[in-house]
Amino acid sequence: MKQIQSVKGMEDLLPERAPAWQYVEASIAEVAERYGYREIRFPILEQTELFKRSIGEVTDIVEKEMYTFDDRNGLSLTLRPEGTASCVRAAEEHGLLYNQTQKLWYTGPMFRYEKPQKGRLRQFHQFGFEAFGMVGPDVDAELLIMLARLWRELGILDDVELQLNNLGTSDARARFRADLVMYLQERAEQLDEDSRRRLTTNPLRILDSKVPSTQDLLDGAPSLPDYLDDESIAHFAGLRRFLDAAGMSYIVNPRLVRGLDYYSNTVFEWVTTKLGAQGTVCAGGRYDGLVEQLGGKPTPAVGCAMGIERLVLLLETLEVIPGSINDAVDVYLVAVGDVQAQAIALAETLRTELPYLRLVTHMGGGSFKSQMKKADKSGAQFALILGEDEVALKQVGIKPLRTEAPQQQVEQAQAACAIKGLLNE
């Protein structure tokens, strides 16, 4: 019978890599909560209309990348391709945005049908941050400062670069877009194939093209900063003033755009050169019109998201994951002879007295030699040896597995204290 394998672009996370993920996820959540962000969870499945109205029907995501199907009642559903729209929907549906501010974070799998690459999968995992109800650039700045603190604590701050841009209002972008399209249509034959397609669907994304000839062509194109209104200019200047006061380093990239229609004013990306073409580590911006676009009252908002796969890959590439982050056990309990019941009881006593002890009790019998091999393979620091003689004497042996120190016999009642002392040496 043919073996069933995972779906292309949807990878398993094996136990050997899980500790790195747990370390990154715990670090992000801990920093977010220090800044007053609270966790929110929402479904993986949403009505397709949510993403068409938020992301934009002529974006690559909606046109080519969403996993969409009709349920048994004929309702069109989509596996969420990003988290912001779902977060807005959930917050608005449950009254979290009415006359109040909110700072929320979430994590979970997202789905896009793309060509699978290293650090870019069809099922990928994101951490997202969304702040609602605050109109000034101070919250934009705090979000970026919080991210810089996270990168510093993860050990990657020197290997990522913050790029900023000001997209202005939707009216300003509409005027810019019209002039940009006119300029590019006159030179369409000089554009790469992907940019020619975007010229009629999402022309602002052409600014983000990685094709050198297209970038050269854009040198003479209309410039978005020339179309910005005074309020947008003042907002961006305020953001830069806050970042400068905090000692943040950044560059202004006037060609930085986001692939989602709902962004306005501030947009940003943290990028790295350590991962090849997949260089964006975290991205986001302000989306003051999205809540209203999805049926709520006008609500200022700013947020961002980061891919966990790519972030873990960066930490692994830079070799900055702490060596203490592993899934090795502390103690392996070897049970020799007819003592399995006593071994299980002893293990439970130790887990009660030492709540953070990582202890594995050998199961399935076997010789002393075979059990000790498994104890060594487990990565444990110590083997606890319980045989019939130890049971009769109410003792247990403690044998170091990573040093040449001698085995010692201790009373079972003193085992927890002895183990704690040895682990803390």
Protein backbone atom coordinates (compact mmCIF):
# COMPACT_ATOMS: atom_id res chain seq x y z
CA MET A 1 0.00 0.00 0.00
CA LYS A 2 1.34 3.45 -0.96
CA GLN A 3 2.49 5.55 1.96
CA ILE A 4 0.55 8.78 2.51
CA GLN A 5 2.76 11.85 2.74
CA SER A 6 2.21 15.44 3.80
CA VAL A 7 0.71 17.95 1.38
CA LYS A 8 3.31 19.84 -0.65
CA GLY A 9 4.31 23.06 1.09
CA MET A 10 2.89 21.98 4.46
CA GLU A 11 5.68 20.69 6.67
CA ASP A 12 5.77 18.70 9.88
CA LEU A 13 7.56 20.18 12.88
CA LEU A 14 9.63 17.35 14.30
CA PRO A 15 10.60 17.08 17.99
CA GLU A 16 14.24 17.97 17.28
CA ARG A 17 13.26 21.45 16.04
CA ALA A 18 10.34 22.09 18.40
CA PRO A 19 12.46 23.61 21.22
CA ALA A 20 13.70 26.38 18.89
CA TRP A 21 10.10 27.21 17.93
CA GLN A 22 9.02 27.17 21.57
CA TYR A 23 11.88 29.51 22.46
CA VAL A 24 10.98 31.99 19.72
CA GLU A 25 7.24 31.88 20.40
CA ALA A 26 7.71 32.32 24.15
CA SER A 27 10.14 35.22 23.59
CA ILE A 28 7.69 37.06 21.30
CA ALA A 29 4.71 36.56 23.61
CA GLU A 30 6.69 37.67 26.64
CA VAL A 31 7.87 40.90 24.99
CA ALA A 32 4.38 41.66 23.64
CA GLU A 33 2.79 41.31 27.06
CA ARG A 34 5.43 43.59 28.59
CA TYR A 35 4.11 46.30 26.25
CA GLY A 36 0.47 45.72 27.14
CA TYR A 37 -0.55 43.54 24.19
CA ARG A 38 -3.10 40.83 25.04
CA GLU A 39 -3.65 37.55 23.22
CA ILE A 40 -6.65 36.98 20.95
CA ARG A 41 -7.51 33.78 19.06
CA PHE A 42 -9.81 33.42 16.06
CA PRO A 43 -10.77 30.63 13.63
CA ILE A 44 -8.63 29.34 10.80
CA LEU A 45 -11.67 29.44 8.50
CA GLU A 46 -13.39 32.71 7.61
CA GLN A 47 -15.97 33.79 5.08
CA THR A 48 -14.20 34.50 1.79
CA GLU A 49 -15.79 37.93 1.58
CA LEU A 50 -13.75 39.06 4.59
CA PHE A 51 -10.50 38.78 2.65
CA LYS A 52 -11.90 40.09 -0.63
CA ARG A 53 -13.06 43.25 1.12
CA SER A 54 -9.92 43.73 3.20
CA ILE A 55 -6.98 42.52 1.11
CA GLY A 56 -8.44 43.61 -2.24
CA GLU A 57 -9.91 41.50 -5.04
CA VAL A 58 -7.12 42.34 -7.50
CA THR A 59 -4.22 41.40 -5.24
CA ASP A 60 -2.09 38.31 -5.88
CA ILE A 61 -3.32 36.80 -2.61
CA VAL A 62 -7.02 36.90 -3.51
CA GLU A 63 -6.58 36.19 -7.22
CA LYS A 64 -4.10 33.29 -7.03
CA GLU A 65 -3.10 32.24 -3.52
CA MET A 66 -6.15 31.67 -1.29
CA TYR A 67 -7.44 28.22 -0.36
CA THR A 68 -11.15 28.78 -0.98
CA PHE A 69 -14.06 26.32 -1.16
CA ASP A 70 -17.82 26.12 -0.67
CA ASP A 71 -19.12 24.30 2.39
CA ARG A 72 -22.13 21.98 2.31
CA ASN A 73 -24.50 24.93 2.53
CA GLY A 74 -22.84 26.69 -0.39
CA LEU A 75 -21.09 29.31 1.77
CA SER A 76 -17.70 30.32 0.38
CA LEU A 77 -15.02 29.80 3.03
CA THR A 78 -11.28 30.52 2.97
CA LEU A 79 -8.36 29.31 5.05
CA ARG A 80 -7.00 32.57 6.44
CA PRO A 81 -4.09 33.89 4.31
CA GLU A 82 -3.19 36.55 6.92
CA GLY A 83 -4.30 37.58 10.39
CA THR A 84 -5.15 41.29 10.38
CA ALA A 85 -8.55 40.98 8.70
CA SER A 86 -9.57 38.16 11.07
CA CYS A 87 -8.39 40.16 14.08
CA VAL A 88 -10.42 43.19 12.98
CA ARG A 89 -13.47 41.01 12.34
CA ALA A 90 -13.24 39.35 15.75
CA ALA A 91 -12.58 42.59 17.65
CA GLU A 92 -15.45 44.41 15.91
CA GLU A 93 -17.88 41.48 16.23
CA HIS A 94 -17.34 41.25 19.99
CA GLY A 95 -17.40 44.97 20.73
CA LEU A 96 -13.71 45.35 21.58
CA LEU A 97 -13.31 48.51 19.50
CA TYR A 98 -16.26 50.57 20.73
CA ASN A 99 -14.95 53.76 22.40
CA GLN A 100 -11.78 52.05 23.61
CA THR A 101 -8.23 51.27 22.64
CA GLN A 102 -6.91 47.74 22.20
CA LYS A 103 -3.46 46.21 21.81
CA LEU A 104 -3.74 42.59 20.69
CA TRP A 105 -1.42 39.79 19.62
CA TYR A 106 -2.12 36.44 17.99
CA THR A 107 -0.31 33.48 16.52
CA GLY A 108 -1.18 30.52 14.35
CA PRO A 109 -1.08 28.97 10.88
CA MET A 110 -1.87 30.91 7.69
CA PHE A 111 -2.34 29.49 4.20
CA ARG A 112 -1.30 30.71 0.75
CA TYR A 113 -0.89 28.69 -2.43
CA GLU A 114 2.61 29.73 -3.48
CA LYS A 115 5.66 27.93 -4.82
CA PRO A 116 7.22 26.39 -1.69
CA GLN A 117 10.67 27.73 -0.87
CA LYS A 118 12.96 27.66 2.12
CA GLY A 119 11.31 29.84 4.74
CA ARG A 120 8.19 30.27 2.57
CA LEU A 121 5.57 27.54 2.75
CA ARG A 122 1.92 27.08 1.82
CA GLN A 123 1.05 26.56 5.46
CA PHE A 124 3.13 29.01 7.43
CA HIS A 125 2.91 30.38 10.95
CA GLN A 126 2.75 34.01 11.98
CA PHE A 127 2.85 36.16 15.07
CA GLY A 128 0.81 39.33 14.65
CA PHE A 129 0.38 42.55 16.64
CA GLU A 130 -2.55 44.96 16.17
CA ALA A 131 -3.19 48.24 18.01
CA PHE A 132 -6.58 49.97 17.63
CA GLY A 133 -7.98 53.35 18.55
CA MET A 134 -4.75 55.40 18.64
CA VAL A 135 -4.32 57.95 15.86
CA GLY A 136 -0.89 59.45 16.55
CA PRO A 137 2.55 58.33 15.41
CA ASP A 138 3.51 57.47 19.00
CA VAL A 139 1.90 54.03 18.81
CA ASP A 140 3.61 53.38 15.45
CA ALA A 141 6.92 54.24 17.08
CA GLU A 142 6.27 52.11 20.16
CA LEU A 143 5.46 49.10 17.96
CA LEU A 144 8.76 49.47 16.12
CA ILE A 145 10.68 50.05 19.35
CA MET A 146 9.08 46.91 20.81
CA LEU A 147 10.19 44.92 17.76
CA ALA A 148 13.73 46.27 18.09
CA ARG A 149 13.76 45.10 21.71
CA LEU A 150 12.61 41.66 20.58
CA TRP A 151 15.36 41.43 17.95
CA ARG A 152 17.90 42.52 20.56
CA GLU A 153 16.77 39.86 23.04
CA LEU A 154 16.82 37.21 20.30
CA GLY A 155 20.34 38.28 19.29
CA ILE A 156 19.56 39.40 15.72
CA LEU A 157 19.27 43.20 15.96
CA ASP A 158 22.58 43.77 14.15
CA ASP A 159 21.44 41.55 11.27
CA VAL A 160 18.11 43.20 10.44
CA GLU A 161 17.41 46.62 8.96
CA LEU A 162 14.29 48.72 9.43
CA GLN A 163 12.90 50.30 6.26
CA LEU A 164 10.11 52.88 6.43
CA ASN A 165 7.85 54.62 3.94
CA ASN A 166 4.86 56.94 3.99
CA LEU A 167 2.00 55.84 1.69
CA GLY A 168 -0.19 58.79 2.61
CA THR A 169 -3.98 58.72 2.34
CA SER A 170 -6.03 56.71 -0.15
CA ASP A 171 -6.78 59.92 -2.09
CA ALA A 172 -3.08 60.75 -2.37
CA ARG A 173 -2.28 57.22 -3.54
CA ALA A 174 -5.10 57.36 -6.11
CA ARG A 175 -3.62 60.51 -7.69
CA PHE A 176 -0.13 59.00 -7.60
CA ARG A 177 -1.37 55.72 -9.02
CA ALA A 178 -3.05 57.42 -11.99
CA ASP A 179 0.13 59.29 -12.93
CA LEU A 180 2.32 56.23 -12.33
CA VAL A 181 0.15 54.07 -14.59
CA MET A 182 0.24 56.73 -17.31
CA TYR A 183 4.04 56.88 -17.10
CA LEU A 184 4.47 53.09 -17.15
CA GLN A 185 1.91 52.45 -19.90
CA GLU A 186 4.00 54.59 -22.23
CA ARG A 187 6.97 52.31 -21.42
CA ALA A 188 5.14 48.99 -20.96
CA GLU A 189 7.39 47.15 -23.40
CA GLN A 190 10.34 47.87 -21.09
CA LEU A 191 8.67 46.26 -18.05
CA ASP A 192 9.27 42.68 -16.94
CA GLU A 193 6.38 40.26 -17.45
CA ASP A 194 5.21 40.31 -13.83
CA SER A 195 5.18 44.12 -13.72
CA ARG A 196 3.19 44.30 -16.98
CA ARG A 197 0.52 42.12 -15.39
CA ARG A 198 0.50 44.27 -12.24
CA LEU A 199 0.12 47.42 -14.33
CA THR A 200 -3.59 46.62 -14.72
CA THR A 201 -4.17 45.00 -11.33
CA ASN A 202 -1.94 46.44 -8.59
CA PRO A 203 0.49 48.96 -10.10
CA LEU A 204 1.95 50.13 -6.78
CA ARG A 205 3.52 46.70 -6.34
CA ILE A 206 5.70 47.46 -9.38
CA LEU A 207 7.62 49.83 -7.11
CA ASP A 208 8.68 46.75 -5.12
CA SER A 209 9.96 44.87 -8.18
CA LYS A 210 13.31 43.12 -7.75
CA VAL A 211 14.07 43.26 -11.51
CA PRO A 212 16.99 45.70 -12.08
CA SER A 213 15.72 46.97 -15.45
CA THR A 214 12.33 47.78 -13.94
CA GLN A 215 13.96 49.57 -11.02
CA ASP A 216 16.01 51.60 -13.50
CA LEU A 217 12.83 52.54 -15.36
CA LEU A 218 11.24 53.72 -12.11
CA ASP A 219 14.03 56.24 -11.57
CA GLY A 220 12.20 58.65 -13.86
CA ALA A 221 8.68 57.78 -12.66
CA PRO A 222 6.42 59.99 -10.53
CA SER A 223 7.42 59.91 -6.84
CA LEU A 224 4.86 59.20 -4.13
CA PRO A 225 6.29 61.80 -1.66
CA ASP A 226 5.28 64.53 -4.14
CA TYR A 227 1.61 63.56 -3.70
CA LEU A 228 1.37 63.41 0.09
CA ASP A 229 -0.93 65.70 2.08
CA ASP A 230 0.28 67.83 4.98
CA GLU A 231 -1.30 65.60 7.64
CA SER A 232 0.43 62.47 6.34
CA ILE A 233 3.74 64.33 6.13
CA ALA A 234 3.35 65.54 9.73
CA HIS A 235 2.48 62.01 10.94
CA PHE A 236 5.57 60.53 9.31
CA ALA A 237 7.78 63.33 10.63
CA GLY A 238 6.43 62.66 14.13
CA LEU A 239 7.20 58.97 13.79
CA ARG A 240 10.78 59.71 12.75
CA ARG A 241 11.17 62.14 15.64
CA PHE A 242 10.10 59.46 18.15
CA LEU A 243 12.42 56.87 16.59
CA ASP A 244 15.33 59.29 16.57
CA ALA A 245 14.74 60.11 20.24
CA ALA A 246 14.83 56.38 21.03
CA GLY A 247 18.12 55.94 19.16
CA MET A 248 16.54 53.72 16.51
CA SER A 249 18.34 53.23 13.21
CA TYR A 250 16.28 53.03 10.01
CA ILE A 251 16.24 54.05 6.37
CA VAL A 252 13.42 55.67 4.41
CA ASN A 253 12.67 53.61 1.30
CA PRO A 254 10.30 55.59 -0.97
CA ARG A 255 9.60 52.47 -3.05
CA LEU A 256 8.51 50.34 -0.13
CA VAL A 257 4.89 49.24 -0.57
CA ARG A 258 2.85 46.44 0.94
CA GLY A 259 0.96 43.79 -1.00
CA LEU A 260 -2.32 44.46 0.84
CA ASP A 261 -4.70 47.23 -0.20
CA TYR A 262 -5.65 48.38 3.30
CA TYR A 263 -2.37 50.06 4.31
CA SER A 264 -2.07 53.86 4.57
CA ASN A 265 0.50 56.33 5.91
CA THR A 266 3.21 54.36 7.77
CA VAL A 267 4.46 51.11 6.24
CA PHE A 268 7.60 49.27 7.28
CA GLU A 269 9.66 46.14 6.83
CA TRP A 270 12.48 44.60 8.85
CA VAL A 271 14.75 42.95 6.29
CA THR A 272 17.91 40.86 6.41
CA THR A 273 20.57 39.83 3.92
CA LYS A 274 21.23 36.53 5.70
CA LEU A 275 18.39 34.54 4.09
CA GLY A 276 18.87 35.20 0.39
CA ALA A 277 15.75 36.23 -1.54
CA GLN A 278 13.47 35.65 1.45
CA GLY A 279 14.76 38.70 3.27
CA THR A 280 11.67 40.13 4.98
CA VAL A 281 11.52 39.13 8.64
CA CYS A 282 8.61 41.31 9.80
CA ALA A 283 6.34 43.79 8.00
CA GLY A 284 3.32 45.95 8.64
CA GLY A 285 1.98 49.45 8.85
CA ARG A 286 -1.02 51.65 9.55
CA TYR A 287 -4.50 50.75 8.26
CA ASP A 288 -6.83 53.47 9.52
CA GLY A 289 -9.61 52.66 7.04
CA LEU A 290 -9.90 48.90 7.42
CA VAL A 291 -12.31 48.71 10.37
CA GLU A 292 -14.78 50.97 8.58
CA GLN A 293 -14.22 49.02 5.35
CA LEU A 294 -15.34 45.87 7.18
CA GLY A 295 -18.49 47.46 8.59
CA GLY A 296 -17.31 49.12 11.80
CA LYS A 297 -16.93 52.75 12.79
CA PRO A 298 -13.80 54.66 11.65
CA THR A 299 -10.98 53.37 13.85
CA PRO A 300 -7.27 54.19 13.56
CA ALA A 301 -5.07 51.11 13.66
CA VAL A 302 -1.52 49.90 13.14
CA GLY A 303 -0.05 46.40 13.13
CA CYS A 304 2.46 43.93 11.77
CA ALA A 305 3.19 40.25 11.37
CA MET A 306 6.27 38.03 11.30
CA GLY A 307 6.73 34.53 9.91
CA ILE A 308 7.88 32.04 12.54
CA GLU A 309 9.51 29.70 10.00
CA ARG A 310 11.64 32.51 8.62
CA LEU A 311 12.49 33.90 12.04
CA VAL A 312 13.59 30.50 13.36
CA LEU A 313 15.61 29.97 10.17
CA LEU A 314 17.38 33.29 10.74
CA LEU A 315 18.23 32.42 14.34
CA GLU A 316 19.54 29.03 13.22
CA THR A 317 21.59 30.62 10.42
CA LEU A 318 23.14 33.10 12.82
CA GLU A 319 23.58 30.37 15.48
CA VAL A 320 22.07 32.51 18.23
CA ILE A 321 19.61 30.02 19.70
CA PRO A 322 20.80 29.42 23.29
CA GLY A 323 22.52 26.10 23.82
CA SER A 324 20.32 25.44 26.83
CA ILE A 325 17.28 25.30 24.55
CA ASN A 326 16.81 21.61 23.94
CA ASP A 327 14.40 18.80 24.69
CA ALA A 328 16.83 16.58 26.60
CA VAL A 329 15.53 15.16 29.84
CA ASP A 330 17.22 15.75 33.19
CA VAL A 331 16.84 12.28 34.63
CA TYR A 332 16.18 8.83 33.18
CA LEU A 333 14.78 6.29 35.65
CA VAL A 334 16.05 2.77 35.02
CA ALA A 335 13.88 0.02 36.54
CA VAL A 336 15.57 -3.42 36.77
CA GLY A 337 13.60 -6.47 37.86
CA ASP A 338 10.04 -6.64 39.14
CA VAL A 339 10.02 -3.03 40.34
CA GLN A 340 8.03 -1.18 37.67
CA ALA A 341 5.21 -0.23 40.01
CA GLN A 342 7.67 1.16 42.56
CA ALA A 343 9.52 3.01 39.77
CA ILE A 344 6.33 4.72 38.56
CA ALA A 345 5.44 5.69 42.14
CA LEU A 346 8.94 7.08 42.77
CA ALA A 347 8.81 9.07 39.52
CA GLU A 348 5.50 10.67 40.53
CA THR A 349 6.90 11.60 43.93
CA LEU A 350 9.89 13.28 42.29
CA ARG A 351 7.67 15.16 39.81
CA THR A 352 5.60 16.45 42.72
CA GLU A 353 8.61 17.57 44.75
CA LEU A 354 10.49 18.96 41.71
CA PRO A 355 7.78 20.40 39.40
CA TYR A 356 10.22 21.48 36.69
CA LEU A 357 12.14 18.20 36.59
CA ARG A 358 12.22 16.57 33.16
CA LEU A 359 12.09 12.88 34.03
CA VAL A 360 11.54 9.84 31.84
CA THR A 361 10.73 6.47 33.35
CA HIS A 362 11.88 3.49 31.30
CA MET A 363 8.98 1.44 29.97
CA GLY A 364 8.89 -2.01 28.44
CA GLY A 365 11.48 -3.84 30.53
CA GLY A 366 14.84 -4.98 29.23
CA SER A 367 18.27 -5.66 30.65
CA PHE A 368 20.18 -3.19 32.78
CA LYS A 369 22.67 -2.69 29.92
CA SER A 370 19.99 -1.93 27.33
CA GLN A 371 18.20 0.47 29.67
CA MET A 372 21.43 2.33 30.39
CA LYS A 373 22.02 2.71 26.64
CA LYS A 374 18.61 4.33 26.32
CA ALA A 375 19.32 6.52 29.31
CA ASP A 376 22.51 7.77 27.66
CA LYS A 377 20.77 8.29 24.30
CA SER A 378 18.05 10.38 25.96
CA GLY A 379 20.60 13.08 26.74
CA ALA A 380 19.80 12.92 30.45
CA GLN A 381 22.30 14.27 32.95
CA PHE A 382 21.68 11.43 35.41
CA ALA A 383 20.29 7.93 35.52
CA LEU A 384 18.26 6.88 38.53
CA ILE A 385 18.73 3.17 39.12
CA LEU A 386 16.02 1.26 40.92
CA GLY A 387 16.42 -2.49 41.33
CA GLU A 388 15.00 -5.04 43.76
CA ASP A 389 17.86 -4.42 46.22
CA GLU A 390 17.20 -0.65 46.17
CA VAL A 391 13.49 -1.23 46.72
CA ALA A 392 14.22 -3.48 49.71
CA LEU A 393 16.52 -0.83 51.22
CA LYS A 394 14.24 2.11 50.20
CA GLN A 395 17.15 3.57 48.27
CA VAL A 396 17.86 4.65 44.67
CA GLY A 397 21.11 4.93 42.76
CA ILE A 398 22.09 8.19 41.06
CA LYS A 399 24.62 7.75 38.26
CA PRO A 400 26.07 10.77 36.38
CA LEU A 401 25.96 10.21 32.61
CA ARG A 402 27.96 13.24 31.42
CA THR A 403 30.84 13.20 33.92
CA GLU A 404 33.17 10.65 35.46
CA ALA A 405 31.75 11.23 38.94
CA PRO A 406 30.93 8.02 40.85
CA GLN A 407 27.43 6.64 41.35
CA GLN A 408 25.91 7.33 44.76
CA GLN A 409 23.14 5.62 46.72
CA VAL A 410 20.60 7.84 48.52
CA GLU A 411 17.48 7.23 50.53
CA GLN A 412 14.38 7.53 48.35
CA ALA A 413 13.01 10.13 50.74
CA GLN A 414 16.11 12.26 50.07
CA ALA A 415 16.23 11.65 46.31
CA ALA A 416 14.53 14.91 45.32
CA CYS A 417 16.92 16.97 47.42
CA ALA A 418 19.93 15.12 46.04
CA ILE A 419 18.81 15.53 42.43
CA LYS A 420 18.09 19.22 42.89
CA GLY A 421 21.56 19.76 44.31
CA LEU A 422 23.25 17.88 41.49
CA LEU A 423 21.31 19.71 38.76
CA ASN A 424 22.21 23.08 40.29
CA GLU A 425 25.93 22.38 40.49
